[in-house]
């Protein structure tokens, strides 16, 4: 059901932006695979959480300009990630496209992230 895929996307990205590591874990399957076009390396959720934590130490980030297509078995989302410092000033922004697979339980099993260069 497409609402399951949409819920998985909402839950995962909201948790990432909030620094809610347990929320990120709850949105993905135990053996979920994350891949990024920047280095072509596959990672597990714990590696993604460590990396996301490092990104939040500079002040945080938000997802804006979200456009999403959902299917029964996943979603494709385009968004802008805006990084900001402790004062809320935008320090960087990146256009991103994410293609994700979601299982029957509503958990993300694979997430491929494409960052514009």
N, C-alpha and C. Protein backbone atom coordinates (compact mmCIF):
# COMPACT_ATOMS: atom_id res chain seq x y z
N UNK A 1 0.84 -1.18 0.00
CA UNK A 1 0.00 0.00 0.00
C UNK A 1 0.89 1.25 0.00
N UNK A 2 0.55 2.21 -0.83
CA UNK A 2 1.38 3.40 -0.97
C UNK A 2 1.45 4.22 0.32
N UNK A 3 0.42 4.16 1.15
CA UNK A 3 0.49 4.91 2.41
C UNK A 3 1.59 4.37 3.32
N UNK A 4 1.87 3.07 3.23
CA UNK A 4 2.95 2.47 4.01
C UNK A 4 4.29 3.03 3.58
N UNK A 5 4.50 3.14 2.26
CA UNK A 5 5.75 3.71 1.75
C UNK A 5 5.89 5.17 2.13
N UNK A 6 4.80 5.92 2.05
CA UNK A 6 4.84 7.34 2.42
C UNK A 6 5.15 7.49 3.91
N UNK A 7 4.57 6.62 4.73
CA UNK A 7 4.83 6.67 6.17
C UNK A 7 6.30 6.37 6.47
N UNK A 8 6.85 5.38 5.77
CA UNK A 8 8.27 5.05 5.96
C UNK A 8 9.15 6.25 5.64
N UNK A 9 8.87 6.93 4.54
CA UNK A 9 9.64 8.11 4.15
C UNK A 9 9.48 9.22 5.19
N UNK A 10 8.25 9.52 5.57
CA UNK A 10 8.00 10.57 6.56
C UNK A 10 8.75 10.29 7.86
N UNK A 11 8.64 9.05 8.34
CA UNK A 11 9.25 8.66 9.61
C UNK A 11 10.77 8.76 9.56
N UNK A 12 11.36 8.22 8.50
CA UNK A 12 12.82 8.20 8.39
C UNK A 12 13.40 9.61 8.31
N UNK A 13 12.87 10.45 7.41
CA UNK A 13 13.45 11.77 7.23
C UNK A 13 13.17 12.70 8.42
N UNK A 14 12.01 12.57 9.04
CA UNK A 14 11.73 13.38 10.23
C UNK A 14 12.69 13.00 11.36
N UNK A 15 12.92 11.71 11.53
CA UNK A 15 13.84 11.25 12.57
C UNK A 15 15.27 11.72 12.30
N UNK A 16 15.71 11.63 11.05
CA UNK A 16 17.07 12.07 10.71
C UNK A 16 17.25 13.55 11.02
N UNK A 17 16.30 14.37 10.61
CA UNK A 17 16.40 15.82 10.83
C UNK A 17 16.37 16.18 12.32
N UNK A 18 15.65 15.37 13.10
CA UNK A 18 15.53 15.64 14.54
C UNK A 18 16.66 15.03 15.37
N UNK A 19 17.50 14.21 14.74
CA UNK A 19 18.54 13.52 15.50
C UNK A 19 17.98 12.40 16.34
N UNK A 20 16.86 11.85 15.91
CA UNK A 20 16.18 10.76 16.62
C UNK A 20 16.69 9.43 16.07
N UNK A 21 17.78 8.94 16.65
CA UNK A 21 18.42 7.74 16.12
C UNK A 21 17.55 6.51 16.27
N UNK A 22 16.82 6.41 17.37
CA UNK A 22 15.91 5.27 17.53
C UNK A 22 14.79 5.33 16.50
N UNK A 23 14.34 6.52 16.17
CA UNK A 23 13.32 6.68 15.14
C UNK A 23 13.82 6.26 13.77
N UNK A 24 15.09 6.58 13.48
CA UNK A 24 15.68 6.14 12.21
C UNK A 24 15.75 4.62 12.17
N UNK A 25 16.21 4.02 13.27
CA UNK A 25 16.31 2.56 13.32
C UNK A 25 14.94 1.91 13.15
N UNK A 26 13.92 2.51 13.75
CA UNK A 26 12.57 1.94 13.70
C UNK A 26 11.97 1.99 12.29
N UNK A 27 12.48 2.87 11.44
CA UNK A 27 11.93 3.03 10.09
C UNK A 27 12.57 2.11 9.06
N UNK A 28 13.63 1.39 9.47
CA UNK A 28 14.36 0.57 8.50
C UNK A 28 14.43 -0.89 8.96
N UNK A 29 14.55 -1.78 7.98
CA UNK A 29 14.75 -3.20 8.28
C UNK A 29 16.14 -3.38 8.89
N UNK A 30 16.30 -4.42 9.67
CA UNK A 30 17.57 -4.67 10.37
C UNK A 30 18.75 -4.77 9.41
N UNK A 31 18.52 -5.34 8.24
CA UNK A 31 19.61 -5.52 7.27
C UNK A 31 19.53 -4.52 6.11
N UNK A 32 18.92 -3.37 6.36
CA UNK A 32 18.77 -2.35 5.32
C UNK A 32 20.13 -1.91 4.78
N UNK A 33 20.14 -1.59 3.50
CA UNK A 33 21.36 -1.15 2.83
C UNK A 33 21.17 0.29 2.36
N UNK A 34 22.17 1.13 2.61
CA UNK A 34 22.18 2.52 2.18
C UNK A 34 23.35 2.71 1.23
N UNK A 35 23.09 3.39 0.13
CA UNK A 35 24.13 3.62 -0.88
C UNK A 35 24.07 5.09 -1.27
N UNK A 36 25.24 5.66 -1.59
CA UNK A 36 25.31 7.06 -2.00
C UNK A 36 26.20 7.16 -3.22
N UNK A 37 25.77 7.97 -4.19
CA UNK A 37 26.52 8.09 -5.44
C UNK A 37 27.87 8.77 -5.27
N UNK A 38 28.08 9.49 -4.19
CA UNK A 38 29.32 10.22 -3.99
C UNK A 38 30.52 9.26 -3.94
N UNK A 39 30.36 8.17 -3.20
CA UNK A 39 31.48 7.23 -3.10
C UNK A 39 31.13 5.80 -3.52
N UNK A 40 29.85 5.52 -3.80
CA UNK A 40 29.45 4.21 -4.28
C UNK A 40 29.55 3.10 -3.24
N UNK A 41 29.64 3.47 -1.97
CA UNK A 41 29.79 2.49 -0.90
C UNK A 41 28.44 2.16 -0.27
N UNK A 42 28.20 0.88 -0.01
CA UNK A 42 27.00 0.47 0.71
C UNK A 42 27.29 0.50 2.21
N UNK A 43 26.30 0.95 2.96
CA UNK A 43 26.44 1.07 4.41
C UNK A 43 25.22 0.49 5.11
N UNK A 44 25.37 0.17 6.38
CA UNK A 44 24.26 -0.24 7.22
C UNK A 44 23.71 0.96 7.97
N UNK A 45 22.61 0.77 8.66
CA UNK A 45 21.95 1.87 9.35
C UNK A 45 22.84 2.50 10.43
N UNK A 46 23.63 1.71 11.14
CA UNK A 46 24.47 2.29 12.20
C UNK A 46 25.52 3.23 11.63
N UNK A 47 26.07 2.89 10.47
CA UNK A 47 27.04 3.79 9.82
C UNK A 47 26.34 5.08 9.37
N UNK A 48 25.13 4.96 8.88
CA UNK A 48 24.37 6.14 8.44
C UNK A 48 24.04 7.03 9.64
N UNK A 49 23.69 6.42 10.74
CA UNK A 49 23.39 7.20 11.95
C UNK A 49 24.64 7.94 12.44
N UNK A 50 25.78 7.28 12.45
CA UNK A 50 27.02 7.96 12.88
C UNK A 50 27.31 9.15 11.97
N UNK A 51 27.17 8.95 10.67
CA UNK A 51 27.43 10.03 9.71
C UNK A 51 26.44 11.18 9.89
N UNK A 52 25.18 10.84 10.05
CA UNK A 52 24.14 11.86 10.25
C UNK A 52 24.41 12.64 11.53
N UNK A 53 24.86 11.95 12.56
CA UNK A 53 25.20 12.62 13.81
C UNK A 53 26.32 13.64 13.63
N UNK A 54 27.31 13.29 12.82
CA UNK A 54 28.39 14.24 12.53
C UNK A 54 27.86 15.47 11.81
N UNK A 55 26.93 15.27 10.89
CA UNK A 55 26.35 16.41 10.15
C UNK A 55 25.58 17.33 11.08
N UNK A 56 24.94 16.78 12.09
CA UNK A 56 24.13 17.59 13.00
C UNK A 56 24.98 18.39 13.98
N UNK A 57 26.22 18.01 14.20
CA UNK A 57 27.07 18.71 15.17
C UNK A 57 27.36 20.15 14.79
N UNK A 58 27.26 20.47 13.53
CA UNK A 58 27.55 21.84 13.08
C UNK A 58 26.36 22.76 13.25
N UNK A 59 25.21 22.24 13.60
CA UNK A 59 24.03 23.06 13.80
C UNK A 59 22.76 22.35 13.39
N UNK A 60 22.84 21.52 12.39
CA UNK A 60 21.68 20.77 11.98
C UNK A 60 21.34 20.98 10.52
N UNK A 61 20.24 20.38 10.12
CA UNK A 61 19.81 20.49 8.73
C UNK A 61 18.30 20.28 8.64
N UNK A 62 17.75 20.73 7.55
CA UNK A 62 16.33 20.53 7.27
C UNK A 62 16.17 20.04 5.84
N UNK A 63 15.06 19.35 5.61
CA UNK A 63 14.69 18.92 4.27
C UNK A 63 13.61 19.88 3.78
N UNK A 64 13.84 20.49 2.63
CA UNK A 64 12.87 21.42 2.07
C UNK A 64 12.59 21.04 0.62
N UNK A 65 11.62 21.71 0.03
CA UNK A 65 11.28 21.50 -1.38
C UNK A 65 11.03 20.02 -1.68
N UNK A 66 10.34 19.33 -0.79
CA UNK A 66 10.15 17.89 -0.91
C UNK A 66 9.12 17.58 -1.99
N UNK A 67 9.53 16.68 -2.90
CA UNK A 67 8.64 16.14 -3.94
C UNK A 67 8.80 14.64 -3.90
N UNK A 68 7.70 13.92 -3.77
CA UNK A 68 7.80 12.47 -3.56
C UNK A 68 6.78 11.72 -4.41
N UNK A 69 7.23 10.61 -4.98
CA UNK A 69 6.37 9.65 -5.66
C UNK A 69 6.40 8.38 -4.83
N UNK A 70 5.24 7.82 -4.56
CA UNK A 70 5.20 6.60 -3.76
C UNK A 70 4.61 5.45 -4.56
N UNK A 71 5.06 4.26 -4.24
CA UNK A 71 4.55 3.03 -4.83
C UNK A 71 4.34 2.03 -3.69
N UNK A 72 3.74 0.91 -4.01
CA UNK A 72 3.51 -0.10 -2.98
C UNK A 72 4.80 -0.60 -2.34
N UNK A 73 5.88 -0.63 -3.12
CA UNK A 73 7.13 -1.20 -2.62
C UNK A 73 8.25 -0.19 -2.44
N UNK A 74 7.91 1.10 -2.36
CA UNK A 74 8.95 2.09 -2.13
C UNK A 74 8.55 3.50 -2.48
N UNK A 75 9.55 4.35 -2.60
CA UNK A 75 9.30 5.75 -2.93
C UNK A 75 10.53 6.35 -3.60
N UNK A 76 10.28 7.42 -4.31
CA UNK A 76 11.34 8.24 -4.89
C UNK A 76 11.08 9.65 -4.39
N UNK A 77 12.09 10.26 -3.82
CA UNK A 77 11.91 11.60 -3.26
C UNK A 77 13.04 12.51 -3.70
N UNK A 78 12.66 13.71 -4.13
CA UNK A 78 13.62 14.77 -4.39
C UNK A 78 13.44 15.79 -3.29
N UNK A 79 14.54 16.29 -2.78
CA UNK A 79 14.45 17.35 -1.77
C UNK A 79 15.75 18.14 -1.76
N UNK A 80 15.71 19.25 -1.06
CA UNK A 80 16.90 20.05 -0.81
C UNK A 80 17.25 19.87 0.65
N UNK A 81 18.52 19.57 0.93
CA UNK A 81 18.99 19.50 2.31
C UNK A 81 19.69 20.82 2.58
N UNK A 82 19.19 21.56 3.57
CA UNK A 82 19.79 22.84 3.94
C UNK A 82 20.46 22.68 5.31
N UNK A 83 21.77 22.88 5.31
CA UNK A 83 22.53 22.83 6.56
C UNK A 83 22.59 24.23 7.14
N UNK A 84 22.56 24.30 8.46
CA UNK A 84 22.62 25.61 9.11
C UNK A 84 23.49 25.54 10.35
N UNK A 85 23.97 26.71 10.74
CA UNK A 85 24.78 26.78 11.95
C UNK A 85 23.87 26.96 13.16
N UNK A 86 24.45 27.11 14.32
CA UNK A 86 23.69 27.22 15.56
C UNK A 86 22.76 28.43 15.57
N UNK A 87 23.09 29.46 14.80
CA UNK A 87 22.26 30.66 14.72
C UNK A 87 21.12 30.52 13.72
N UNK A 88 21.10 29.42 12.97
CA UNK A 88 20.06 29.21 11.97
C UNK A 88 20.42 29.70 10.59
N UNK A 89 21.62 30.22 10.41
CA UNK A 89 22.06 30.71 9.11
C UNK A 89 22.40 29.53 8.20
N UNK A 90 21.85 29.53 6.99
CA UNK A 90 22.14 28.45 6.04
C UNK A 90 23.61 28.50 5.65
N UNK A 91 24.30 27.37 5.79
CA UNK A 91 25.71 27.29 5.47
C UNK A 91 25.98 26.52 4.18
N UNK A 92 25.04 25.66 3.80
CA UNK A 92 25.19 24.88 2.55
C UNK A 92 23.84 24.28 2.21
N UNK A 93 23.66 23.97 0.93
CA UNK A 93 22.45 23.25 0.54
C UNK A 93 22.76 22.37 -0.66
N UNK A 94 22.09 21.23 -0.71
CA UNK A 94 22.33 20.25 -1.75
C UNK A 94 21.00 19.71 -2.28
N UNK A 95 20.92 19.55 -3.60
CA UNK A 95 19.79 18.88 -4.21
C UNK A 95 20.03 17.39 -4.13
N UNK A 96 19.02 16.64 -3.69
CA UNK A 96 19.17 15.21 -3.46
C UNK A 96 17.97 14.47 -4.06
N UNK A 97 18.24 13.28 -4.58
CA UNK A 97 17.19 12.37 -5.01
C UNK A 97 17.43 11.05 -4.30
N UNK A 98 16.38 10.52 -3.70
CA UNK A 98 16.46 9.26 -2.97
C UNK A 98 15.49 8.27 -3.61
N UNK A 99 15.97 7.07 -3.84
CA UNK A 99 15.13 5.97 -4.33
C UNK A 99 15.18 4.89 -3.26
N UNK A 100 14.02 4.51 -2.73
CA UNK A 100 14.00 3.57 -1.62
C UNK A 100 13.03 2.42 -1.87
N UNK A 101 13.38 1.28 -1.33
CA UNK A 101 12.51 0.09 -1.33
C UNK A 101 11.96 -0.08 0.08
N UNK A 102 10.68 -0.45 0.14
CA UNK A 102 10.01 -0.66 1.42
C UNK A 102 9.37 -2.04 1.40
N UNK A 103 9.54 -2.80 2.48
CA UNK A 103 8.98 -4.15 2.53
C UNK A 103 7.52 -4.14 2.98
N UNK A 104 6.93 -5.31 3.06
CA UNK A 104 5.52 -5.44 3.43
C UNK A 104 5.21 -4.97 4.83
N UNK A 105 6.24 -4.93 5.70
CA UNK A 105 6.06 -4.44 7.06
C UNK A 105 6.18 -2.92 7.16
N UNK A 106 6.45 -2.27 6.02
CA UNK A 106 6.59 -0.82 6.01
C UNK A 106 7.96 -0.32 6.40
N UNK A 107 8.98 -1.18 6.31
CA UNK A 107 10.34 -0.80 6.67
C UNK A 107 11.18 -0.60 5.42
N UNK A 108 12.04 0.39 5.46
CA UNK A 108 12.95 0.64 4.35
C UNK A 108 13.99 -0.47 4.33
N UNK A 109 14.15 -1.10 3.15
CA UNK A 109 15.13 -2.18 3.02
C UNK A 109 16.36 -1.72 2.23
N UNK A 110 16.18 -0.72 1.40
CA UNK A 110 17.29 -0.18 0.62
C UNK A 110 16.99 1.28 0.33
N UNK A 111 18.04 2.12 0.45
CA UNK A 111 17.89 3.53 0.16
C UNK A 111 19.12 3.96 -0.64
N UNK A 112 18.88 4.38 -1.87
CA UNK A 112 19.95 4.88 -2.73
C UNK A 112 19.81 6.40 -2.80
N UNK A 113 20.89 7.10 -2.50
CA UNK A 113 20.88 8.57 -2.42
C UNK A 113 21.79 9.16 -3.49
N UNK A 114 21.24 10.07 -4.27
CA UNK A 114 21.98 10.73 -5.34
C UNK A 114 22.08 12.21 -5.01
N UNK A 115 23.30 12.69 -4.83
CA UNK A 115 23.54 14.10 -4.57
C UNK A 115 24.02 14.77 -5.84
N UNK A 116 23.48 15.95 -6.11
CA UNK A 116 23.91 16.70 -7.28
C UNK A 116 25.33 17.22 -7.04
N UNK A 117 26.14 17.15 -8.06
CA UNK A 117 27.54 17.57 -7.91
C UNK A 117 27.84 18.92 -8.37
